[in-house]
């Protein structure tokens, strides 16, 4: 089923169990982390806490001691990105396999792979975005030269800069699911898992058509659901991509194609957030923390509930929190 605006694409919370992971950082690494999550910062008044953020299914808390705790469904995955990039050590209790999913073939990182990833599913404001990108074996080095090897560690300005270069260099598809459509299908009973699965399958189809018969060695999907659940979500689709499909968490660290897709999805999300911020008349905060509640309450008072619904994911708890804040301000 196709439910996207033409030429636009937009994604969420990982379907994983809750986890707690702690890594140790020096002052330089800690500052880099705080800069990276600045837009998702939340207030947390607790002893020893110097910074806290909530984004994409993970709660991040940094302490004066240099320790950083990652909690939530995506906590372990988020921590692993920092541990591998900053050279930090995972705490003994949190040391686990680098990725979960299918057993991957040897040498996958240098093969021709079509990868897909998503973003936006943990943000109250803005769309869900999914991207797929094909990086052939002879262009893996080019992708790395463009700066996509550790894509999750890039900041938003850098991703905005290299996004167009990735689009020009590799066959890709970027899908943006507008908030109004997201709210409609979610209210009808679709889970985020189903929404993401449909978008991934659609983006992969688009790229395969652009390849005009050229076949990737493998298709690698950044795993948000088990294989069986993923295919049950898309069982009614007229064209389902199954051949040589692999699923793995942390896939952006396994092949440049998923890293490229991750950047393209993020840039599409940022561009849509820019557009929605223009409509709202204020810069919309990312994530789902307290700053989001405050911004949503102000928008609700100025522009009304219908407008707020058109730029948010209605089922998030932020909707009720914003309504409560707005009600208090009306009675003052």
C-alpha atoms as a PDB file:
ATOM      1  CA  UNK A   1       0.000   0.000   0.000  1.00  0.00           C
ATOM      2  CA  UNK A   2       1.361   3.401  -0.949  1.00  0.00           C
ATOM      3  CA  UNK A   3       0.462   6.374   1.218  1.00  0.00           C
ATOM      4  CA  UNK A   4       3.176   8.962   0.615  1.00  0.00           C
ATOM      5  CA  UNK A   5       3.154  12.378  -0.960  1.00  0.00           C
ATOM      6  CA  UNK A   6       4.739  12.162  -4.399  1.00  0.00           C
ATOM      7  CA  UNK A   7       8.464  12.706  -4.188  1.00  0.00           C
ATOM      8  CA  UNK A   8       8.478  12.923  -0.399  1.00  0.00           C
ATOM      9  CA  UNK A   9       9.252  10.317   2.173  1.00  0.00           C
ATOM     10  CA  UNK A  10       9.369  10.300   5.908  1.00  0.00           C
ATOM     11  CA  UNK A  11      10.070   7.362  10.461  1.00  0.00           C
ATOM     12  CA  UNK A  12      10.721   5.655  15.184  1.00  0.00           C
ATOM     13  CA  UNK A  13      11.050   3.720  18.199  1.00  0.00           C
ATOM     14  CA  UNK A  14      12.957   0.447  17.920  1.00  0.00           C
ATOM     15  CA  UNK A  15      10.989  -2.648  18.801  1.00  0.00           C
ATOM     16  CA  UNK A  16      13.512  -3.813  21.379  1.00  0.00           C
ATOM     17  CA  UNK A  17      13.464  -4.575  25.102  1.00  0.00           C
ATOM     18  CA  UNK A  18      14.447  -1.890  27.585  1.00  0.00           C
ATOM     19  CA  UNK A  19      18.157  -1.706  28.349  1.00  0.00           C
ATOM     20  CA  UNK A  20      20.626   0.274  30.464  1.00  0.00           C
ATOM     21  CA  UNK A  21      24.126   0.911  29.116  1.00  0.00           C
ATOM     22  CA  UNK A  22      26.902   2.984  30.689  1.00  0.00           C
ATOM     23  CA  UNK A  23      30.035   4.267  28.973  1.00  0.00           C
ATOM     24  CA  UNK A  24      32.877   6.411  30.272  1.00  0.00           C
ATOM     25  CA  UNK A  25      33.906   9.556  28.360  1.00  0.00           C
ATOM     26  CA  UNK A  26      36.618  12.157  28.703  1.00  0.00           C
ATOM     27  CA  UNK A  27      35.768  15.881  28.664  1.00  0.00           C
ATOM     28  CA  UNK A  28      36.201  16.243  24.898  1.00  0.00           C
ATOM     29  CA  UNK A  29      33.967  13.281  24.151  1.00  0.00           C
ATOM     30  CA  UNK A  30      31.409  14.487  26.689  1.00  0.00           C
ATOM     31  CA  UNK A  31      31.222  17.913  25.046  1.00  0.00           C
ATOM     32  CA  UNK A  32      30.773  16.258  21.661  1.00  0.00           C
ATOM     33  CA  UNK A  33      27.882  14.239  23.036  1.00  0.00           C
ATOM     34  CA  UNK A  34      26.218  17.317  24.541  1.00  0.00           C
ATOM     35  CA  UNK A  35      26.566  19.234  21.272  1.00  0.00           C
ATOM     36  CA  UNK A  36      25.110  16.311  19.336  1.00  0.00           C
ATOM     37  CA  UNK A  37      21.989  16.038  21.541  1.00  0.00           C
ATOM     38  CA  UNK A  38      21.571  19.774  22.211  1.00  0.00           C
ATOM     39  CA  UNK A  39      18.258  19.948  20.345  1.00  0.00           C
ATOM     40  CA  UNK A  40      16.853  17.064  22.418  1.00  0.00           C
ATOM     41  CA  UNK A  41      17.997  18.329  25.815  1.00  0.00           C
ATOM     42  CA  UNK A  42      15.653  17.886  28.771  1.00  0.00           C
ATOM     43  CA  UNK A  43      15.880  19.180  32.333  1.00  0.00           C
ATOM     44  CA  UNK A  44      16.828  16.603  34.936  1.00  0.00           C
ATOM     45  CA  UNK A  45      17.495  17.823  38.460  1.00  0.00           C
ATOM     46  CA  UNK A  46      19.375  14.952  40.075  1.00  0.00           C
ATOM     47  CA  UNK A  47      22.679  14.764  41.970  1.00  0.00           C
ATOM     48  CA  UNK A  48      25.698  14.700  39.688  1.00  0.00           C
ATOM     49  CA  UNK A  49      23.763  15.147  36.433  1.00  0.00           C
ATOM     50  CA  UNK A  50      25.331  17.655  34.022  1.00  0.00           C
ATOM     51  CA  UNK A  51      23.259  16.912  30.916  1.00  0.00           C
ATOM     52  CA  UNK A  52      20.188  14.906  29.896  1.00  0.00           C
ATOM     53  CA  UNK A  53      18.421  14.319  26.592  1.00  0.00           C
ATOM     54  CA  UNK A  54      15.609  12.213  25.200  1.00  0.00           C
ATOM     55  CA  UNK A  55      15.499  11.223  21.564  1.00  0.00           C
ATOM     56  CA  UNK A  56      14.577   8.355  19.262  1.00  0.00           C
ATOM     57  CA  UNK A  57      13.670   5.816  21.970  1.00  0.00           C
ATOM     58  CA  UNK A  58      16.683   6.565  24.177  1.00  0.00           C
ATOM     59  CA  UNK A  59      17.159   8.628  27.340  1.00  0.00           C
ATOM     60  CA  UNK A  60      20.729   9.895  27.770  1.00  0.00           C
ATOM     61  CA  UNK A  61      22.057  11.084  31.131  1.00  0.00           C
ATOM     62  CA  UNK A  62      25.606  12.430  31.606  1.00  0.00           C
ATOM     63  CA  UNK A  63      27.231  12.715  35.039  1.00  0.00           C
ATOM     64  CA  UNK A  64      30.077  14.796  36.502  1.00  0.00           C
ATOM     65  CA  UNK A  65      32.061  11.568  36.879  1.00  0.00           C
ATOM     66  CA  UNK A  66      32.289  11.276  33.093  1.00  0.00           C
ATOM     67  CA  UNK A  67      29.879   8.366  32.951  1.00  0.00           C
ATOM     68  CA  UNK A  68      26.967   8.497  30.498  1.00  0.00           C
ATOM     69  CA  UNK A  69      23.918   6.271  30.926  1.00  0.00           C
ATOM     70  CA  UNK A  70      21.771   5.289  27.943  1.00  0.00           C
ATOM     71  CA  UNK A  71      18.321   3.920  28.780  1.00  0.00           C
ATOM     72  CA  UNK A  72      15.252   2.877  26.849  1.00  0.00           C
ATOM     73  CA  UNK A  73      14.368   0.666  23.904  1.00  0.00           C
ATOM     74  CA  UNK A  74      17.124   2.165  21.762  1.00  0.00           C
ATOM     75  CA  UNK A  75      19.551   2.879  24.591  1.00  0.00           C
ATOM     76  CA  UNK A  76      21.967   0.071  23.877  1.00  0.00           C
ATOM     77  CA  UNK A  77      22.116   0.881  20.166  1.00  0.00           C
ATOM     78  CA  UNK A  78      22.637   4.593  20.848  1.00  0.00           C
ATOM     79  CA  UNK A  79      25.428   3.873  23.334  1.00  0.00           C
ATOM     80  CA  UNK A  80      27.208   1.551  20.918  1.00  0.00           C
ATOM     81  CA  UNK A  81      27.498   4.363  18.382  1.00  0.00           C
ATOM     82  CA  UNK A  82      29.360   6.514  20.885  1.00  0.00           C
ATOM     83  CA  UNK A  83      31.463   3.687  22.256  1.00  0.00           C
ATOM     84  CA  UNK A  84      32.779   2.725  18.821  1.00  0.00           C
ATOM     85  CA  UNK A  85      33.392   6.310  17.695  1.00  0.00           C
ATOM     86  CA  UNK A  86      34.834   7.821  20.876  1.00  0.00           C
ATOM     87  CA  UNK A  87      36.816   4.781  21.932  1.00  0.00           C
ATOM     88  CA  UNK A  88      34.875   4.604  25.184  1.00  0.00           C
ATOM     89  CA  UNK A  89      34.550   1.319  27.051  1.00  0.00           C
ATOM     90  CA  UNK A  90      31.193  -0.303  27.648  1.00  0.00           C
ATOM     91  CA  UNK A  91      30.626  -1.162  31.299  1.00  0.00           C
ATOM     92  CA  UNK A  92      31.094  -4.839  32.070  1.00  0.00           C
ATOM     93  CA  UNK A  93      27.391  -5.323  32.698  1.00  0.00           C
ATOM     94  CA  UNK A  94      26.521  -3.826  29.324  1.00  0.00           C
ATOM     95  CA  UNK A  95      29.006  -5.634  27.082  1.00  0.00           C
ATOM     96  CA  UNK A  96      26.871  -7.400  24.467  1.00  0.00           C
ATOM     97  CA  UNK A  97      27.213  -8.420  20.825  1.00  0.00           C
ATOM     98  CA  UNK A  98      27.691  -5.449  18.502  1.00  0.00           C
ATOM     99  CA  UNK A  99      24.569  -6.178  16.512  1.00  0.00           C
ATOM    100  CA  UNK A 100      21.522  -8.429  16.541  1.00  0.00           C
ATOM    101  CA  UNK A 101      19.806  -9.998  13.578  1.00  0.00           C
ATOM    102  CA  UNK A 102      20.780 -12.243  10.704  1.00  0.00           C
ATOM    103  CA  UNK A 103      24.160 -13.907  10.417  1.00  0.00           C
ATOM    104  CA  UNK A 104      25.984 -11.701   7.939  1.00  0.00           C
ATOM    105  CA  UNK A 105      28.288 -12.902   5.155  1.00  0.00           C
ATOM    106  CA  UNK A 106      32.022 -12.348   5.502  1.00  0.00           C
ATOM    107  CA  UNK A 107      33.205  -9.223   3.734  1.00  0.00           C
ATOM    108  CA  UNK A 108      29.773  -7.620   3.576  1.00  0.00           C
ATOM    109  CA  UNK A 109      31.227  -4.133   4.141  1.00  0.00           C
ATOM    110  CA  UNK A 110      32.988  -4.228   0.750  1.00  0.00           C
ATOM    111  CA  UNK A 111      30.111  -5.756  -1.252  1.00  0.00           C
ATOM    112  CA  UNK A 112      27.430  -4.101  -3.398  1.00  0.00           C
ATOM    113  CA  UNK A 113      24.562  -3.456  -0.987  1.00  0.00           C
ATOM    114  CA  UNK A 114      21.212  -1.666  -1.020  1.00  0.00           C
ATOM    115  CA  UNK A 115      20.565  -0.383   2.499  1.00  0.00           C
ATOM    116  CA  UNK A 116      17.619   1.289   4.222  1.00  0.00           C
ATOM    117  CA  UNK A 117      17.081   3.217   7.451  1.00  0.00           C
ATOM    118  CA  UNK A 118      14.568   5.580   9.047  1.00  0.00           C
ATOM    119  CA  UNK A 119      14.261   8.492  11.449  1.00  0.00           C
ATOM    120  CA  UNK A 120      11.664  10.722  13.088  1.00  0.00           C
ATOM    121  CA  UNK A 121       9.603   8.065  14.832  1.00  0.00           C
ATOM    122  CA  UNK A 122      10.648   9.230  18.295  1.00  0.00           C
ATOM    123  CA  UNK A 123       9.959  12.911  17.598  1.00  0.00           C
ATOM    124  CA  UNK A 124       6.615  14.480  18.505  1.00  0.00           C
ATOM    125  CA  UNK A 125       6.958  17.187  15.883  1.00  0.00           C
ATOM    126  CA  UNK A 126       7.652  16.332  12.278  1.00  0.00           C
ATOM    127  CA  UNK A 127       7.255  13.375   9.942  1.00  0.00           C
ATOM    128  CA  UNK A 128       8.584   9.859   9.700  1.00  0.00           C
ATOM    129  CA  UNK A 129      11.246   9.559   7.009  1.00  0.00           C
ATOM    130  CA  UNK A 130      12.684   6.441   5.385  1.00  0.00           C
ATOM    131  CA  UNK A 131      15.520   6.277   2.869  1.00  0.00           C
ATOM    132  CA  UNK A 132      17.126   3.530   0.801  1.00  0.00           C
ATOM    133  CA  UNK A 133      20.485   3.895  -0.922  1.00  0.00           C
ATOM    134  CA  UNK A 134      22.563   1.605  -3.177  1.00  0.00           C
ATOM    135  CA  UNK A 135      26.343   1.643  -2.792  1.00  0.00           C
ATOM    136  CA  UNK A 136      28.115  -0.725  -5.229  1.00  0.00           C
ATOM    137  CA  UNK A 137      31.369  -2.372  -4.216  1.00  0.00           C
ATOM    138  CA  UNK A 138      33.472  -0.090  -6.388  1.00  0.00           C
ATOM    139  CA  UNK A 139      32.043   3.024  -4.683  1.00  0.00           C
ATOM    140  CA  UNK A 140      32.235   2.019  -1.009  1.00  0.00           C
ATOM    141  CA  UNK A 141      35.475   3.988  -0.708  1.00  0.00           C
ATOM    142  CA  UNK A 142      33.747   7.042  -2.218  1.00  0.00           C
ATOM    143  CA  UNK A 143      30.984   6.830   0.382  1.00  0.00           C
ATOM    144  CA  UNK A 144      33.564   6.713   3.142  1.00  0.00           C
ATOM    145  CA  UNK A 145      35.398   9.692   1.656  1.00  0.00           C
ATOM    146  CA  UNK A 146      32.148  11.664   1.752  1.00  0.00           C
ATOM    147  CA  UNK A 147      32.079  11.089   5.505  1.00  0.00           C
ATOM    148  CA  UNK A 148      29.355   8.477   5.954  1.00  0.00           C
ATOM    149  CA  UNK A 149      31.336   5.710   7.667  1.00  0.00           C
ATOM    150  CA  UNK A 150      30.257   6.855  11.135  1.00  0.00           C
ATOM    151  CA  UNK A 151      27.082   8.619  10.041  1.00  0.00           C
ATOM    152  CA  UNK A 152      25.289   8.502  13.388  1.00  0.00           C
ATOM    153  CA  UNK A 153      28.062  10.575  14.899  1.00  0.00           C
ATOM    154  CA  UNK A 154      27.678  13.409  12.391  1.00  0.00           C
ATOM    155  CA  UNK A 155      25.908  16.573  13.473  1.00  0.00           C
ATOM    156  CA  UNK A 156      22.928  17.982  11.602  1.00  0.00           C
ATOM    157  CA  UNK A 157      24.787  20.771   9.749  1.00  0.00           C
ATOM    158  CA  UNK A 158      27.335  18.309   8.370  1.00  0.00           C
ATOM    159  CA  UNK A 159      24.632  15.882   7.282  1.00  0.00           C
ATOM    160  CA  UNK A 160      22.825  18.716   5.515  1.00  0.00           C
ATOM    161  CA  UNK A 161      26.051  19.450   3.652  1.00  0.00           C
ATOM    162  CA  UNK A 162      26.913  15.919   2.538  1.00  0.00           C
ATOM    163  CA  UNK A 163      23.321  14.820   1.899  1.00  0.00           C
ATOM    164  CA  UNK A 164      23.184  16.348  -1.606  1.00  0.00           C
ATOM    165  CA  UNK A 165      26.556  14.757  -2.417  1.00  0.00           C
ATOM    166  CA  UNK A 166      25.223  11.340  -1.436  1.00  0.00           C
ATOM    167  CA  UNK A 167      22.100  11.880  -3.539  1.00  0.00           C
ATOM    168  CA  UNK A 168      24.194  12.791  -6.558  1.00  0.00           C
ATOM    169  CA  UNK A 169      26.598   9.862  -6.150  1.00  0.00           C
ATOM    170  CA  UNK A 170      24.279   6.918  -5.439  1.00  0.00           C
ATOM    171  CA  UNK A 171      20.828   5.662  -6.540  1.00  0.00           C
ATOM    172  CA  UNK A 172      18.423   6.396  -3.704  1.00  0.00           C
ATOM    173  CA  UNK A 173      14.841   6.892  -2.626  1.00  0.00           C
ATOM    174  CA  UNK A 174      13.744   9.186   0.189  1.00  0.00           C
ATOM    175  CA  UNK A 175      10.197   8.977   1.526  1.00  0.00           C
ATOM    176  CA  UNK A 176       8.447  11.468   3.825  1.00  0.00           C
ATOM    177  CA  UNK A 177       5.231  10.476   5.603  1.00  0.00           C
ATOM    178  CA  UNK A 178       3.402  13.709   6.525  1.00  0.00           C
ATOM    179  CA  UNK A 179       1.998  14.033  10.040  1.00  0.00           C
ATOM    180  CA  UNK A 180      -1.609  14.203   8.906  1.00  0.00           C
ATOM    181  CA  UNK A 181      -1.296  10.918   7.008  1.00  0.00           C
ATOM    182  CA  UNK A 182       0.665   9.363   9.860  1.00  0.00           C
ATOM    183  CA  UNK A 183      -2.091  10.287  12.320  1.00  0.00           C
ATOM    184  CA  UNK A 184      -4.774   8.886  10.029  1.00  0.00           C
ATOM    185  CA  UNK A 185      -3.188   5.452   9.582  1.00  0.00           C
ATOM    186  CA  UNK A 186      -2.079   5.274  13.217  1.00  0.00           C
ATOM    187  CA  UNK A 187      -5.619   6.006  14.398  1.00  0.00           C
ATOM    188  CA  UNK A 188      -6.884   3.233  12.117  1.00  0.00           C
ATOM    189  CA  UNK A 189      -4.802   0.708  14.040  1.00  0.00           C
ATOM    190  CA  UNK A 190      -1.442   0.693  12.300  1.00  0.00           C
ATOM    191  CA  UNK A 191       1.554   0.356  14.595  1.00  0.00           C
ATOM    192  CA  UNK A 192       4.788   2.240  14.015  1.00  0.00           C
ATOM    193  CA  UNK A 193       6.314  -1.107  13.075  1.00  0.00           C
ATOM    194  CA  UNK A 194       3.807  -1.574  10.260  1.00  0.00           C
ATOM    195  CA  UNK A 195       4.246   1.985   9.054  1.00  0.00           C
ATOM    196  CA  UNK A 196       8.028   1.607   8.955  1.00  0.00           C
ATOM    197  CA  UNK A 197       7.882  -1.783   7.233  1.00  0.00           C
ATOM    198  CA  UNK A 198       5.656  -0.427   4.467  1.00  0.00           C
ATOM    199  CA  UNK A 199       7.937   2.568   3.951  1.00  0.00           C
ATOM    200  CA  UNK A 200      11.116   0.470   3.880  1.00  0.00           C
ATOM    201  CA  UNK A 201       9.638  -1.957   1.351  1.00  0.00           C
ATOM    202  CA  UNK A 202       8.451   0.939  -0.820  1.00  0.00           C
ATOM    203  CA  UNK A 203      11.812   2.755  -0.736  1.00  0.00           C
ATOM    204  CA  UNK A 204      13.678  -0.450  -1.603  1.00  0.00           C
ATOM    205  CA  UNK A 205      11.338  -1.055  -4.555  1.00  0.00           C
ATOM    206  CA  UNK A 206      11.991   2.442  -5.868  1.00  0.00           C
ATOM    207  CA  UNK A 207      15.759   1.992  -5.833  1.00  0.00           C
ATOM    208  CA  UNK A 208      15.657  -1.469  -7.411  1.00  0.00           C
ATOM    209  CA  UNK A 209      13.682  -0.004 -10.318  1.00  0.00           C
ATOM    210  CA  UNK A 210      16.306   2.705 -10.755  1.00  0.00           C
ATOM    211  CA  UNK A 211      19.015   0.027 -10.981  1.00  0.00           C
ATOM    212  CA  UNK A 212      17.410  -1.225 -14.202  1.00  0.00           C
ATOM    213  CA  UNK A 213      18.212  -4.899 -13.707  1.00  0.00           C
ATOM    214  CA  UNK A 214      21.460  -4.527 -11.755  1.00  0.00           C
ATOM    215  CA  UNK A 215      21.204  -6.685  -8.643  1.00  0.00           C
ATOM    216  CA  UNK A 216      22.836  -5.877  -5.308  1.00  0.00           C
ATOM    217  CA  UNK A 217      24.740  -8.665  -3.615  1.00  0.00           C
ATOM    218  CA  UNK A 218      22.490  -8.087  -0.606  1.00  0.00           C
ATOM    219  CA  UNK A 219      19.780  -5.802   0.736  1.00  0.00           C
ATOM    220  CA  UNK A 220      20.442  -4.693   4.332  1.00  0.00           C
ATOM    221  CA  UNK A 221      17.623  -3.287   6.466  1.00  0.00           C
ATOM    222  CA  UNK A 222      18.371  -1.574   9.763  1.00  0.00           C
ATOM    223  CA  UNK A 223      16.345  -3.922  11.937  1.00  0.00           C
ATOM    224  CA  UNK A 224      13.406  -2.550  13.912  1.00  0.00           C
ATOM    225  CA  UNK A 225      11.400  -5.811  13.922  1.00  0.00           C
ATOM    226  CA  UNK A 226      12.108  -9.516  13.577  1.00  0.00           C
ATOM    227  CA  UNK A 227      12.044 -10.860  10.013  1.00  0.00           C
ATOM    228  CA  UNK A 228       8.727 -12.671  10.440  1.00  0.00           C
ATOM    229  CA  UNK A 229       7.024  -9.641  11.973  1.00  0.00           C
ATOM    230  CA  UNK A 230       8.370  -7.366   9.236  1.00  0.00           C
ATOM    231  CA  UNK A 231       6.943  -9.548   6.485  1.00  0.00           C
ATOM    232  CA  UNK A 232       3.615  -9.937   8.277  1.00  0.00           C
ATOM    233  CA  UNK A 233       3.351  -6.138   8.341  1.00  0.00           C
ATOM    234  CA  UNK A 234       3.657  -5.943   4.542  1.00  0.00           C
ATOM    235  CA  UNK A 235       1.828  -9.173   3.653  1.00  0.00           C
ATOM    236  CA  UNK A 236      -0.818  -7.325   1.620  1.00  0.00           C
ATOM    237  CA  UNK A 237       1.627  -5.430  -0.591  1.00  0.00           C
ATOM    238  CA  UNK A 238       1.556  -6.227  -4.337  1.00  0.00           C
ATOM    239  CA  UNK A 239       5.366  -6.301  -4.557  1.00  0.00           C
ATOM    240  CA  UNK A 240       7.418  -7.486  -1.586  1.00  0.00           C
ATOM    241  CA  UNK A 241      11.219  -7.388  -1.614  1.00  0.00           C
ATOM    242  CA  UNK A 242      12.530 -10.727  -0.306  1.00  0.00           C
ATOM    243  CA  UNK A 243      15.575 -11.782  -2.338  1.00  0.00           C
ATOM    244  CA  UNK A 244      18.902 -11.634  -0.464  1.00  0.00           C
ATOM    245  CA  UNK A 245      17.417  -9.466   2.300  1.00  0.00           C
ATOM    246  CA  UNK A 246      19.344  -9.230   5.579  1.00  0.00           C
ATOM    247  CA  UNK A 247      18.177  -7.674   8.858  1.00  0.00           C
ATOM    248  CA  UNK A 248      20.548  -6.312  11.491  1.00  0.00           C
ATOM    249  CA  UNK A 249      20.566  -3.720  14.236  1.00  0.00           C
ATOM    250  CA  UNK A 250      23.318  -1.103  14.058  1.00  0.00           C
ATOM    251  CA  UNK A 251      23.345  -1.667  10.301  1.00  0.00           C
ATOM    252  CA  UNK A 252      24.707   1.834   9.655  1.00  0.00           C
ATOM    253  CA  UNK A 253      27.992   0.538  11.088  1.00  0.00           C
ATOM    254  CA  UNK A 254      27.962  -2.582   8.889  1.00  0.00           C
ATOM    255  CA  UNK A 255      27.763  -1.089   5.398  1.00  0.00           C
ATOM    256  CA  UNK A 256      28.088   2.375   3.882  1.00  0.00           C
ATOM    257  CA  UNK A 257      24.738   1.991   2.105  1.00  0.00           C
ATOM    258  CA  UNK A 258      22.807   2.049   5.387  1.00  0.00           C
ATOM    259  CA  UNK A 259      24.953   4.916   6.658  1.00  0.00           C
ATOM    260  CA  UNK A 260      24.058   6.851   3.489  1.00  0.00           C
ATOM    261  CA  UNK A 261      20.371   5.990   3.916  1.00  0.00           C
ATOM    262  CA  UNK A 262      20.515   7.146   7.534  1.00  0.00           C
ATOM    263  CA  UNK A 263      21.891  10.535   6.486  1.00  0.00           C
ATOM    264  CA  UNK A 264      19.362  10.975   3.680  1.00  0.00           C
ATOM    265  CA  UNK A 265      16.477  10.135   6.006  1.00  0.00           C
ATOM    266  CA  UNK A 266      17.776  12.582   8.610  1.00  0.00           C
ATOM    267  CA  UNK A 267      18.218  15.407   6.105  1.00  0.00           C
ATOM    268  CA  UNK A 268      14.684  14.870   4.793  1.00  0.00           C
ATOM    269  CA  UNK A 269      13.396  15.035   8.364  1.00  0.00           C
ATOM    270  CA  UNK A 270      15.335  18.243   9.055  1.00  0.00           C
ATOM    271  CA  UNK A 271      14.059  19.887   5.877  1.00  0.00           C
ATOM    272  CA  UNK A 272      10.481  19.048   6.759  1.00  0.00           C
ATOM    273  CA  UNK A 273      11.034  20.379  10.277  1.00  0.00           C
ATOM    274  CA  UNK A 274      12.251  23.633   8.711  1.00  0.00           C
ATOM    275  CA  UNK A 275       9.052  23.859   6.667  1.00  0.00           C
ATOM    276  CA  UNK A 276       6.808  23.086   9.636  1.00  0.00           C
ATOM    277  CA  UNK A 277       8.696  25.574  11.811  1.00  0.00           C
ATOM    278  CA  UNK A 278       7.903  28.231   9.211  1.00  0.00           C
ATOM    279  CA  UNK A 279       4.214  27.366   9.385  1.00  0.00           C
ATOM    280  CA  UNK A 280       4.263  27.357  13.188  1.00  0.00           C
ATOM    281  CA  UNK A 281       6.133  30.646  13.383  1.00  0.00           C
ATOM    282  CA  UNK A 282       8.709  29.182  15.774  1.00  0.00           C
ATOM    283  CA  UNK A 283      11.587  26.707  15.683  1.00  0.00           C
ATOM    284  CA  UNK A 284      10.168  23.296  16.540  1.00  0.00           C
ATOM    285  CA  UNK A 285      12.261  21.309  19.045  1.00  0.00           C
ATOM    286  CA  UNK A 286      13.195  17.710  18.311  1.00  0.00           C
ATOM    287  CA  UNK A 287      12.574  14.680  20.483  1.00  0.00           C
ATOM    288  CA  UNK A 288       9.755  14.266  22.984  1.00  0.00           C
ATOM    289  CA  UNK A 289      10.981  15.943  26.166  1.00  0.00           C
ATOM    290  CA  UNK A 290       9.837  18.908  28.232  1.00  0.00           C
ATOM    291  CA  UNK A 291      10.910  21.584  25.687  1.00  0.00           C
ATOM    292  CA  UNK A 292       8.591  19.868  23.217  1.00  0.00           C
ATOM    293  CA  UNK A 293       5.666  20.074  25.663  1.00  0.00           C
ATOM    294  CA  UNK A 294       6.333  23.785  26.209  1.00  0.00           C
ATOM    295  CA  UNK A 295       6.531  24.542  22.493  1.00  0.00           C
ATOM    296  CA  UNK A 296       3.391  22.519  21.764  1.00  0.00           C
ATOM    297  CA  UNK A 297       1.438  24.347  24.484  1.00  0.00           C
ATOM    298  CA  UNK A 298       2.391  27.725  23.008  1.00  0.00           C
ATOM    299  CA  UNK A 299       1.375  26.606  19.510  1.00  0.00           C
ATOM    300  CA  UNK A 300      -1.896  25.224  20.871  1.00  0.00           C
ATOM    301  CA  UNK A 301      -2.746  28.570  22.451  1.00  0.00           C
ATOM    302  CA  UNK A 302      -1.809  30.573  19.346  1.00  0.00           C
ATOM    303  CA  UNK A 303      -2.988  28.372  16.496  1.00  0.00           C
ATOM    304  CA  UNK A 304      -5.381  25.840  17.972  1.00  0.00           C
ATOM    305  CA  UNK A 305      -5.663  22.074  18.283  1.00  0.00           C
ATOM    306  CA  UNK A 306      -6.280  21.342  14.609  1.00  0.00           C
ATOM    307  CA  UNK A 307      -3.065  23.035  13.553  1.00  0.00           C
ATOM    308  CA  UNK A 308      -1.059  21.351  16.317  1.00  0.00           C
ATOM    309  CA  UNK A 309      -2.362  17.961  15.198  1.00  0.00           C
ATOM    310  CA  UNK A 310      -1.252  18.681  11.623  1.00  0.00           C
ATOM    311  CA  UNK A 311       2.422  18.966  12.613  1.00  0.00           C
ATOM    312  CA  UNK A 312       2.689  16.331  15.359  1.00  0.00           C
ATOM    313  CA  UNK A 313       2.257  12.625  16.050  1.00  0.00           C
ATOM    314  CA  UNK A 314      -1.078  12.811  17.798  1.00  0.00           C
ATOM    315  CA  UNK A 315      -0.839   9.608  19.860  1.00  0.00           C
ATOM    316  CA  UNK A 316       2.309  10.703  21.745  1.00  0.00           C
ATOM    317  CA  UNK A 317       1.871  11.579  25.425  1.00  0.00           C
ATOM    318  CA  UNK A 318       3.087  15.087  24.564  1.00  0.00           C
ATOM    319  CA  UNK A 319      -0.396  15.882  23.215  1.00  0.00           C
ATOM    320  CA  UNK A 320      -1.960  15.552  26.663  1.00  0.00           C
ATOM    321  CA  UNK A 321       0.932  17.290  28.409  1.00  0.00           C
ATOM    322  CA  UNK A 322       0.694  20.261  26.043  1.00  0.00           C
ATOM    323  CA  UNK A 323      -3.065  20.481  26.576  1.00  0.00           C
ATOM    324  CA  UNK A 324      -2.587  20.530  30.357  1.00  0.00           C
ATOM    325  CA  UNK A 325       0.052  23.281  30.151  1.00  0.00           C
ATOM    326  CA  UNK A 326      -2.158  25.341  27.846  1.00  0.00           C
ATOM    327  CA  UNK A 327      -5.135  24.957  30.181  1.00  0.00           C
ATOM    328  CA  UNK A 328      -3.099  26.251  33.127  1.00  0.00           C
ATOM    329  CA  UNK A 329      -2.003  29.291  31.166  1.00  0.00           C
ATOM    330  CA  UNK A 330      -5.583  30.078  30.101  1.00  0.00           C
ATOM    331  CA  UNK A 331      -6.662  30.259  33.763  1.00  0.00           C
ATOM    332  CA  UNK A 332      -3.913  32.673  34.822  1.00  0.00           C
END
